[in-house]
Amino acid sequence: MAKKLSIVIPAYNEGRTIHQILDRIKDVDLIGGLDRELIIVNDFSTDNTEEAILKYQKANPNLPITYYKHEKNKGKGAALHTGIEKATGDIIVIQDADLEYDPQEYNILLQPILDDFADVVYGSRFMGGKPHRILFFWHSIGNKMLTAASNAFTNLNLTDMETCYKMWRSELVKSVNLKEQRFGFEPEVTAKVSRLPKVRIYEVGISYYGRTYEEGKKINWKDGVSAIYCILKYNIWSKK
């Protein structure tokens, strides 16, 4: 029976808002009597991210926060590698440090795992009746194209491969040899997890409160090109 959820939070220049996402995580009542741990990985931010995290940690001693930092900027994927490696929970979920995803929806992702239907659950921004901020047309088209390309190789029918909200049984994701240090993490982990024997992958609908570039959104078209390359690489040329 699962006892603890590890929440892995990569952070890069999120000093202005990271306290808000930590407040939202703190307010979540997890189902199944699960404990939680927060693992924050600062990927060499150039703003006051570290100061904000340490201040929050000091002000909330009862919230189990473990803080790590990289000595140079390595990328989101590298921060996730560090967080996954350090996680001690039975289940691991990714949480971006911005405000685009709602931690109150952890329980939606947890339910299929706790009911022993699923080993992996993706939170889809493109299914269900949850609210979604209307923003970038070409981003949504690009996302659907990347998801379709990934599905063609993995033989999955995901609607949102690029979602932040990915949740795994801990021993499963820790068994995968992850290499991509930047936004290629998403297609790589999807390809490699899909090949695990008898893995059960589910998808649930979630809300999405997207940011504009002025509000701090970082992903761009170059990351889409990289994702295409990683879909081909980890499904054809480099499966291990």
C-alpha atoms as a PDB file:
ATOM      1  CA  MET A   1       0.000   0.000   0.000  1.00  0.00           C
ATOM      2  CA  ALA A   2       1.409   3.382  -1.012  1.00  0.00           C
ATOM      3  CA  LYS A   3       2.337   5.578   1.937  1.00  0.00           C
ATOM      4  CA  LYS A   4       3.986   8.685   0.500  1.00  0.00           C
ATOM      5  CA  LEU A   5       3.772  10.931  -2.554  1.00  0.00           C
ATOM      6  CA  SER A   6       6.982  12.601  -3.724  1.00  0.00           C
ATOM      7  CA  ILE A   7       6.335  15.912  -5.488  1.00  0.00           C
ATOM      8  CA  VAL A   8       9.313  16.838  -7.687  1.00  0.00           C
ATOM      9  CA  ILE A   9       9.528  20.552  -8.496  1.00  0.00           C
ATOM     10  CA  PRO A  10      12.118  21.804 -11.007  1.00  0.00           C
ATOM     11  CA  ALA A  11      12.641  25.543 -10.590  1.00  0.00           C
ATOM     12  CA  TYR A  12      14.371  28.079 -12.813  1.00  0.00           C
ATOM     13  CA  ASN A  13      13.850  31.795 -12.177  1.00  0.00           C
ATOM     14  CA  GLU A  14      10.554  31.287 -10.342  1.00  0.00           C
ATOM     15  CA  GLY A  15      11.353  33.473  -7.334  1.00  0.00           C
ATOM     16  CA  ARG A  16       8.328  35.703  -7.908  1.00  0.00           C
ATOM     17  CA  THR A  17       5.691  32.951  -7.737  1.00  0.00           C
ATOM     18  CA  ILE A  18       7.185  29.807  -6.203  1.00  0.00           C
ATOM     19  CA  HIS A  19       5.722  30.585  -2.775  1.00  0.00           C
ATOM     20  CA  GLN A  20       2.262  30.531  -4.358  1.00  0.00           C
ATOM     21  CA  ILE A  21       2.614  27.027  -5.784  1.00  0.00           C
ATOM     22  CA  LEU A  22       4.061  25.806  -2.479  1.00  0.00           C
ATOM     23  CA  ASP A  23       1.043  27.254  -0.666  1.00  0.00           C
ATOM     24  CA  ARG A  24      -1.253  25.388  -3.039  1.00  0.00           C
ATOM     25  CA  ILE A  25       0.601  22.109  -2.494  1.00  0.00           C
ATOM     26  CA  LYS A  26       0.461  22.625   1.269  1.00  0.00           C
ATOM     27  CA  ASP A  27      -3.328  23.031   1.103  1.00  0.00           C
ATOM     28  CA  VAL A  28      -3.944  19.705  -0.682  1.00  0.00           C
ATOM     29  CA  ASP A  29      -5.585  16.919   1.343  1.00  0.00           C
ATOM     30  CA  LEU A  30      -4.226  13.759  -0.250  1.00  0.00           C
ATOM     31  CA  ILE A  31      -6.505  10.752  -0.552  1.00  0.00           C
ATOM     32  CA  GLY A  32      -5.526   7.358   0.814  1.00  0.00           C
ATOM     33  CA  GLY A  33      -3.920   8.854   3.906  1.00  0.00           C
ATOM     34  CA  LEU A  34      -0.751   9.573   1.925  1.00  0.00           C
ATOM     35  CA  ASP A  35       2.078  11.590   3.389  1.00  0.00           C
ATOM     36  CA  ARG A  36       3.955  13.971   1.085  1.00  0.00           C
ATOM     37  CA  GLU A  37       7.449  15.216   0.461  1.00  0.00           C
ATOM     38  CA  LEU A  38       8.419  18.174  -1.692  1.00  0.00           C
ATOM     39  CA  ILE A  39      11.706  17.939  -3.582  1.00  0.00           C
ATOM     40  CA  ILE A  40      12.688  21.275  -5.107  1.00  0.00           C
ATOM     41  CA  VAL A  41      15.588  21.356  -7.576  1.00  0.00           C
ATOM     42  CA  ASN A  42      16.890  24.825  -8.409  1.00  0.00           C
ATOM     43  CA  ASP A  43      18.509  24.674 -11.846  1.00  0.00           C
ATOM     44  CA  PHE A  44      20.980  27.537 -11.286  1.00  0.00           C
ATOM     45  CA  SER A  45      18.416  30.346 -11.242  1.00  0.00           C
ATOM     46  CA  THR A  46      19.696  33.879 -11.749  1.00  0.00           C
ATOM     47  CA  ASP A  47      16.928  35.580  -9.762  1.00  0.00           C
ATOM     48  CA  ASN A  48      15.902  35.213  -6.103  1.00  0.00           C
ATOM     49  CA  THR A  49      14.526  31.673  -6.459  1.00  0.00           C
ATOM     50  CA  GLU A  50      16.886  30.229  -3.847  1.00  0.00           C
ATOM     51  CA  GLU A  51      16.161  33.022  -1.375  1.00  0.00           C
ATOM     52  CA  ALA A  52      12.413  32.543  -1.834  1.00  0.00           C
ATOM     53  CA  ILE A  53      12.631  28.766  -1.319  1.00  0.00           C
ATOM     54  CA  LEU A  54      14.805  28.984   1.792  1.00  0.00           C
ATOM     55  CA  LYS A  55      12.572  31.685   3.251  1.00  0.00           C
ATOM     56  CA  TYR A  56       9.497  29.547   2.644  1.00  0.00           C
ATOM     57  CA  GLN A  57      11.181  26.457   4.060  1.00  0.00           C
ATOM     58  CA  LYS A  58      12.056  28.343   7.257  1.00  0.00           C
ATOM     59  CA  ALA A  59       8.539  29.737   7.609  1.00  0.00           C
ATOM     60  CA  ASN A  60       6.919  26.295   7.110  1.00  0.00           C
ATOM     61  CA  PRO A  61       8.951  23.838   9.199  1.00  0.00           C
ATOM     62  CA  ASN A  62       6.133  21.264   9.232  1.00  0.00           C
ATOM     63  CA  LEU A  63       6.062  20.990   5.439  1.00  0.00           C
ATOM     64  CA  PRO A  64       8.648  18.370   4.401  1.00  0.00           C
ATOM     65  CA  ILE A  65      10.692  20.284   1.811  1.00  0.00           C
ATOM     66  CA  THR A  66      14.063  19.033   0.590  1.00  0.00           C
ATOM     67  CA  TYR A  67      16.069  21.538  -1.432  1.00  0.00           C
ATOM     68  CA  TYR A  68      18.758  20.821  -4.019  1.00  0.00           C
ATOM     69  CA  LYS A  69      20.509  23.129  -6.458  1.00  0.00           C
ATOM     70  CA  HIS A  70      22.637  22.684  -9.547  1.00  0.00           C
ATOM     71  CA  GLU A  71      25.935  24.537  -9.743  1.00  0.00           C
ATOM     72  CA  LYS A  72      25.257  25.355 -13.390  1.00  0.00           C
ATOM     73  CA  ASN A  73      22.173  25.492 -15.567  1.00  0.00           C
ATOM     74  CA  LYS A  74      21.557  21.992 -16.934  1.00  0.00           C
ATOM     75  CA  GLY A  75      17.929  22.108 -18.050  1.00  0.00           C
ATOM     76  CA  LYS A  76      14.516  20.997 -16.826  1.00  0.00           C
ATOM     77  CA  GLY A  77      15.158  17.332 -17.617  1.00  0.00           C
ATOM     78  CA  ALA A  78      18.344  17.355 -15.537  1.00  0.00           C
ATOM     79  CA  ALA A  79      16.444  18.892 -12.614  1.00  0.00           C
ATOM     80  CA  LEU A  80      13.848  16.136 -12.928  1.00  0.00           C
ATOM     81  CA  HIS A  81      16.581  13.482 -12.946  1.00  0.00           C
ATOM     82  CA  THR A  82      17.908  14.877  -9.672  1.00  0.00           C
ATOM     83  CA  GLY A  83      14.454  15.036  -8.112  1.00  0.00           C
ATOM     84  CA  ILE A  84      13.452  11.534  -9.168  1.00  0.00           C
ATOM     85  CA  GLU A  85      16.740  10.124  -7.895  1.00  0.00           C
ATOM     86  CA  LYS A  86      16.297  11.809  -4.498  1.00  0.00           C
ATOM     87  CA  ALA A  87      12.599  10.949  -4.093  1.00  0.00           C
ATOM     88  CA  THR A  88      11.763   8.530  -1.269  1.00  0.00           C
ATOM     89  CA  GLY A  89       8.009   8.178  -1.844  1.00  0.00           C
ATOM     90  CA  ASP A  90       6.081   5.223  -3.236  1.00  0.00           C
ATOM     91  CA  ILE A  91       4.595   7.449  -5.957  1.00  0.00           C
ATOM     92  CA  ILE A  92       6.242  10.368  -7.798  1.00  0.00           C
ATOM     93  CA  VAL A  93       4.551  13.295  -9.536  1.00  0.00           C
ATOM     94  CA  ILE A  94       6.065  16.239 -11.435  1.00  0.00           C
ATOM     95  CA  GLN A  95       4.974  19.755 -10.485  1.00  0.00           C
ATOM     96  CA  ASP A  96       6.189  22.803 -12.403  1.00  0.00           C
ATOM     97  CA  ALA A  97       7.061  25.759 -10.185  1.00  0.00           C
ATOM     98  CA  ASP A  98       4.740  28.093 -12.102  1.00  0.00           C
ATOM     99  CA  LEU A  99       0.981  28.347 -11.663  1.00  0.00           C
ATOM    100  CA  GLU A 100      -0.192  26.534 -14.811  1.00  0.00           C
ATOM    101  CA  TYR A 101      -1.245  23.299 -13.057  1.00  0.00           C
ATOM    102  CA  ASP A 102      -3.455  22.858  -9.985  1.00  0.00           C
ATOM    103  CA  PRO A 103      -2.085  20.643  -7.167  1.00  0.00           C
ATOM    104  CA  GLN A 104      -5.644  20.017  -5.962  1.00  0.00           C
ATOM    105  CA  GLU A 105      -5.837  17.620  -8.911  1.00  0.00           C
ATOM    106  CA  TYR A 106      -3.159  15.267  -7.555  1.00  0.00           C
ATOM    107  CA  ASN A 107      -6.001  13.155  -6.224  1.00  0.00           C
ATOM    108  CA  ILE A 108      -7.463  12.736  -9.718  1.00  0.00           C
ATOM    109  CA  LEU A 109      -4.155  11.239 -10.845  1.00  0.00           C
ATOM    110  CA  LEU A 110      -3.684   9.226  -7.665  1.00  0.00           C
ATOM    111  CA  GLN A 111      -7.027   7.428  -7.769  1.00  0.00           C
ATOM    112  CA  PRO A 112      -6.237   4.891 -10.548  1.00  0.00           C
ATOM    113  CA  ILE A 113      -2.907   4.042  -8.888  1.00  0.00           C
ATOM    114  CA  LEU A 114      -4.362   3.646  -5.402  1.00  0.00           C
ATOM    115  CA  ASP A 115      -7.180   1.522  -6.874  1.00  0.00           C
ATOM    116  CA  ASP A 116      -4.455  -0.660  -8.448  1.00  0.00           C
ATOM    117  CA  PHE A 117      -5.620  -0.052 -11.994  1.00  0.00           C
ATOM    118  CA  ALA A 118      -2.594   1.982 -13.084  1.00  0.00           C
ATOM    119  CA  ASP A 119       1.183   2.191 -12.727  1.00  0.00           C
ATOM    120  CA  VAL A 120       1.447   5.472 -14.628  1.00  0.00           C
ATOM    121  CA  VAL A 121      -1.078   8.307 -14.961  1.00  0.00           C
ATOM    122  CA  TYR A 122      -0.826  11.309 -17.302  1.00  0.00           C
ATOM    123  CA  GLY A 123      -2.915  14.419 -16.674  1.00  0.00           C
ATOM    124  CA  SER A 124      -4.314  15.554 -20.027  1.00  0.00           C
ATOM    125  CA  ARG A 125      -5.088  19.187 -20.777  1.00  0.00           C
ATOM    126  CA  PHE A 126      -7.145  18.071 -23.792  1.00  0.00           C
ATOM    127  CA  MET A 127      -9.769  15.818 -22.255  1.00  0.00           C
ATOM    128  CA  GLY A 128     -12.461  16.180 -19.627  1.00  0.00           C
ATOM    129  CA  GLY A 129     -14.538  19.149 -18.493  1.00  0.00           C
ATOM    130  CA  LYS A 130     -11.929  21.090 -16.501  1.00  0.00           C
ATOM    131  CA  PRO A 131     -11.187  24.780 -17.242  1.00  0.00           C
ATOM    132  CA  HIS A 132      -8.441  25.623 -19.735  1.00  0.00           C
ATOM    133  CA  ARG A 133      -7.029  29.055 -20.454  1.00  0.00           C
ATOM    134  CA  ILE A 134      -7.247  29.915 -24.163  1.00  0.00           C
ATOM    135  CA  LEU A 135      -3.830  30.999 -25.456  1.00  0.00           C
ATOM    136  CA  PHE A 136      -1.614  29.841 -28.326  1.00  0.00           C
ATOM    137  CA  PHE A 137      -3.133  28.147 -31.396  1.00  0.00           C
ATOM    138  CA  TRP A 138       0.175  26.928 -32.836  1.00  0.00           C
ATOM    139  CA  HIS A 139       1.296  25.598 -29.457  1.00  0.00           C
ATOM    140  CA  SER A 140      -1.816  23.437 -29.261  1.00  0.00           C
ATOM    141  CA  ILE A 141      -1.355  22.214 -32.841  1.00  0.00           C
ATOM    142  CA  GLY A 142       2.315  21.470 -32.193  1.00  0.00           C
ATOM    143  CA  ASN A 143       1.487  19.634 -28.988  1.00  0.00           C
ATOM    144  CA  LYS A 144      -1.086  17.443 -30.720  1.00  0.00           C
ATOM    145  CA  MET A 145       1.350  16.694 -33.555  1.00  0.00           C
ATOM    146  CA  LEU A 146       4.083  15.692 -31.102  1.00  0.00           C
ATOM    147  CA  THR A 147       1.636  13.522 -29.158  1.00  0.00           C
ATOM    148  CA  ALA A 148       0.456  11.837 -32.364  1.00  0.00           C
ATOM    149  CA  ALA A 149       4.036  11.186 -33.478  1.00  0.00           C
ATOM    150  CA  SER A 150       4.902   9.732 -30.076  1.00  0.00           C
ATOM    151  CA  ASN A 151       1.781   7.550 -30.120  1.00  0.00           C
ATOM    152  CA  ALA A 152       2.656   6.206 -33.565  1.00  0.00           C
ATOM    153  CA  PHE A 153       5.849   4.702 -32.170  1.00  0.00           C
ATOM    154  CA  THR A 154       4.704   3.744 -28.652  1.00  0.00           C
ATOM    155  CA  ASN A 155       1.294   2.408 -29.771  1.00  0.00           C
ATOM    156  CA  LEU A 156      -0.366   4.413 -27.001  1.00  0.00           C
ATOM    157  CA  ASN A 157      -3.415   6.632 -27.490  1.00  0.00           C
ATOM    158  CA  LEU A 158      -2.419   9.528 -25.254  1.00  0.00           C
ATOM    159  CA  THR A 159      -3.976  12.930 -25.886  1.00  0.00           C
ATOM    160  CA  ASP A 160      -1.231  14.956 -24.123  1.00  0.00           C
ATOM    161  CA  MET A 161       2.269  13.460 -24.115  1.00  0.00           C
ATOM    162  CA  GLU A 162       3.819  16.848 -23.269  1.00  0.00           C
ATOM    163  CA  THR A 163       1.836  17.400 -20.055  1.00  0.00           C
ATOM    164  CA  CYS A 164       3.712  18.365 -16.895  1.00  0.00           C
ATOM    165  CA  TYR A 165       1.477  16.175 -14.748  1.00  0.00           C
ATOM    166  CA  LYS A 166       3.000  12.732 -15.011  1.00  0.00           C
ATOM    167  CA  MET A 167       2.673  10.367 -12.068  1.00  0.00           C
ATOM    168  CA  TRP A 168       4.429   7.016 -11.664  1.00  0.00           C
ATOM    169  CA  ARG A 169       4.938   4.279  -9.161  1.00  0.00           C
ATOM    170  CA  SER A 170       8.373   5.191  -7.853  1.00  0.00           C
ATOM    171  CA  GLU A 171      10.171   1.917  -8.536  1.00  0.00           C
ATOM    172  CA  LEU A 172       8.962   2.009 -12.135  1.00  0.00           C
ATOM    173  CA  VAL A 173      10.306   5.423 -13.145  1.00  0.00           C
ATOM    174  CA  LYS A 174      13.508   4.899 -11.146  1.00  0.00           C
ATOM    175  CA  SER A 175      14.167   1.759 -13.202  1.00  0.00           C
ATOM    176  CA  VAL A 176      14.325   3.773 -16.436  1.00  0.00           C
ATOM    177  CA  ASN A 177      17.648   5.115 -17.688  1.00  0.00           C
ATOM    178  CA  LEU A 178      16.797   8.758 -18.386  1.00  0.00           C
ATOM    179  CA  LYS A 179      19.263  10.886 -20.358  1.00  0.00           C
ATOM    180  CA  GLU A 180      17.599  14.006 -21.752  1.00  0.00           C
ATOM    181  CA  GLN A 181      18.526  17.110 -19.783  1.00  0.00           C
ATOM    182  CA  ARG A 182      16.095  19.584 -21.301  1.00  0.00           C
ATOM    183  CA  PHE A 183      12.557  19.427 -22.696  1.00  0.00           C
ATOM    184  CA  GLY A 184      13.304  16.125 -24.427  1.00  0.00           C
ATOM    185  CA  PHE A 185      12.484  14.530 -21.073  1.00  0.00           C
ATOM    186  CA  GLU A 186       8.799  14.207 -22.007  1.00  0.00           C
ATOM    187  CA  PRO A 187       9.092  12.073 -25.180  1.00  0.00           C
ATOM    188  CA  GLU A 188      12.003  10.104 -23.712  1.00  0.00           C
ATOM    189  CA  VAL A 189      10.264   9.055 -20.509  1.00  0.00           C
ATOM    190  CA  THR A 190       7.081   8.272 -22.449  1.00  0.00           C
ATOM    191  CA  ALA A 191       8.921   6.058 -24.929  1.00  0.00           C
ATOM    192  CA  LYS A 192      10.907   4.186 -22.291  1.00  0.00           C
ATOM    193  CA  VAL A 193       8.073   3.697 -19.805  1.00  0.00           C
ATOM    194  CA  SER A 194       5.772   2.442 -22.577  1.00  0.00           C
ATOM    195  CA  ARG A 195       8.166  -0.466 -23.190  1.00  0.00           C
ATOM    196  CA  LEU A 196       8.230  -1.704 -19.588  1.00  0.00           C
ATOM    197  CA  PRO A 197       6.679  -5.167 -19.296  1.00  0.00           C
ATOM    198  CA  LYS A 198       2.996  -5.175 -18.381  1.00  0.00           C
ATOM    199  CA  VAL A 199       2.980  -1.447 -17.545  1.00  0.00           C
ATOM    200  CA  ARG A 200      -0.511   0.012 -17.120  1.00  0.00           C
ATOM    201  CA  ILE A 201      -0.781   3.602 -18.361  1.00  0.00           C
ATOM    202  CA  TYR A 202      -3.878   5.727 -17.723  1.00  0.00           C
ATOM    203  CA  GLU A 203      -4.848   9.285 -18.600  1.00  0.00           C
ATOM    204  CA  VAL A 204      -7.191  11.650 -16.737  1.00  0.00           C
ATOM    205  CA  GLY A 205      -8.501  15.102 -17.577  1.00  0.00           C
ATOM    206  CA  ILE A 206      -7.014  18.083 -15.739  1.00  0.00           C
ATOM    207  CA  SER A 207      -7.359  21.870 -15.848  1.00  0.00           C
ATOM    208  CA  TYR A 208      -4.730  24.193 -17.311  1.00  0.00           C
ATOM    209  CA  TYR A 209      -3.988  27.811 -16.408  1.00  0.00           C
ATOM    210  CA  GLY A 210      -1.385  28.604 -19.066  1.00  0.00           C
ATOM    211  CA  ARG A 211       1.055  31.502 -18.886  1.00  0.00           C
ATOM    212  CA  THR A 212       1.999  33.983 -21.586  1.00  0.00           C
ATOM    213  CA  TYR A 213       5.650  34.689 -22.362  1.00  0.00           C
ATOM    214  CA  GLU A 214       5.318  37.965 -20.467  1.00  0.00           C
ATOM    215  CA  GLU A 215       4.190  35.953 -17.451  1.00  0.00           C
ATOM    216  CA  GLY A 216       7.232  33.675 -17.661  1.00  0.00           C
ATOM    217  CA  LYS A 217       6.478  30.897 -20.166  1.00  0.00           C
ATOM    218  CA  LYS A 218       9.801  29.446 -21.384  1.00  0.00           C
ATOM    219  CA  ILE A 219       9.130  26.779 -24.030  1.00  0.00           C
ATOM    220  CA  ASN A 220       9.485  27.749 -27.714  1.00  0.00           C
ATOM    221  CA  TRP A 221       9.599  26.284 -31.240  1.00  0.00           C
ATOM    222  CA  LYS A 222      13.180  25.051 -30.773  1.00  0.00           C
ATOM    223  CA  ASP A 223      11.938  22.783 -27.993  1.00  0.00           C
ATOM    224  CA  GLY A 224       9.374  21.365 -30.417  1.00  0.00           C
ATOM    225  CA  VAL A 225      12.114  20.502 -32.902  1.00  0.00           C
ATOM    226  CA  SER A 226      14.098  18.877 -30.100  1.00  0.00           C
ATOM    227  CA  ALA A 227      11.025  16.870 -29.078  1.00  0.00           C
ATOM    228  CA  ILE A 228      10.639  15.505 -32.629  1.00  0.00           C
ATOM    229  CA  TYR A 229      14.273  14.431 -32.596  1.00  0.00           C
ATOM    230  CA  CYS A 230      13.822  12.741 -29.199  1.00  0.00           C
ATOM    231  CA  ILE A 231      10.691  10.901 -30.363  1.00  0.00           C
ATOM    232  CA  LEU A 232      12.722   9.388 -33.200  1.00  0.00           C
ATOM    233  CA  LYS A 233      15.826   8.818 -31.082  1.00  0.00           C
ATOM    234  CA  TYR A 234      14.220   6.984 -28.181  1.00  0.00           C
ATOM    235  CA  ASN A 235      11.791   4.971 -30.277  1.00  0.00           C
ATOM    236  CA  ILE A 236      14.219   3.943 -33.059  1.00  0.00           C
ATOM    237  CA  TRP A 237      17.922   4.621 -32.497  1.00  0.00           C
ATOM    238  CA  SER A 238      18.424   4.540 -28.740  1.00  0.00           C
ATOM    239  CA  LYS A 239      15.839   2.469 -26.935  1.00  0.00           C
ATOM    240  CA  LYS A 240      17.868   1.951 -23.742  1.00  0.00           C
END
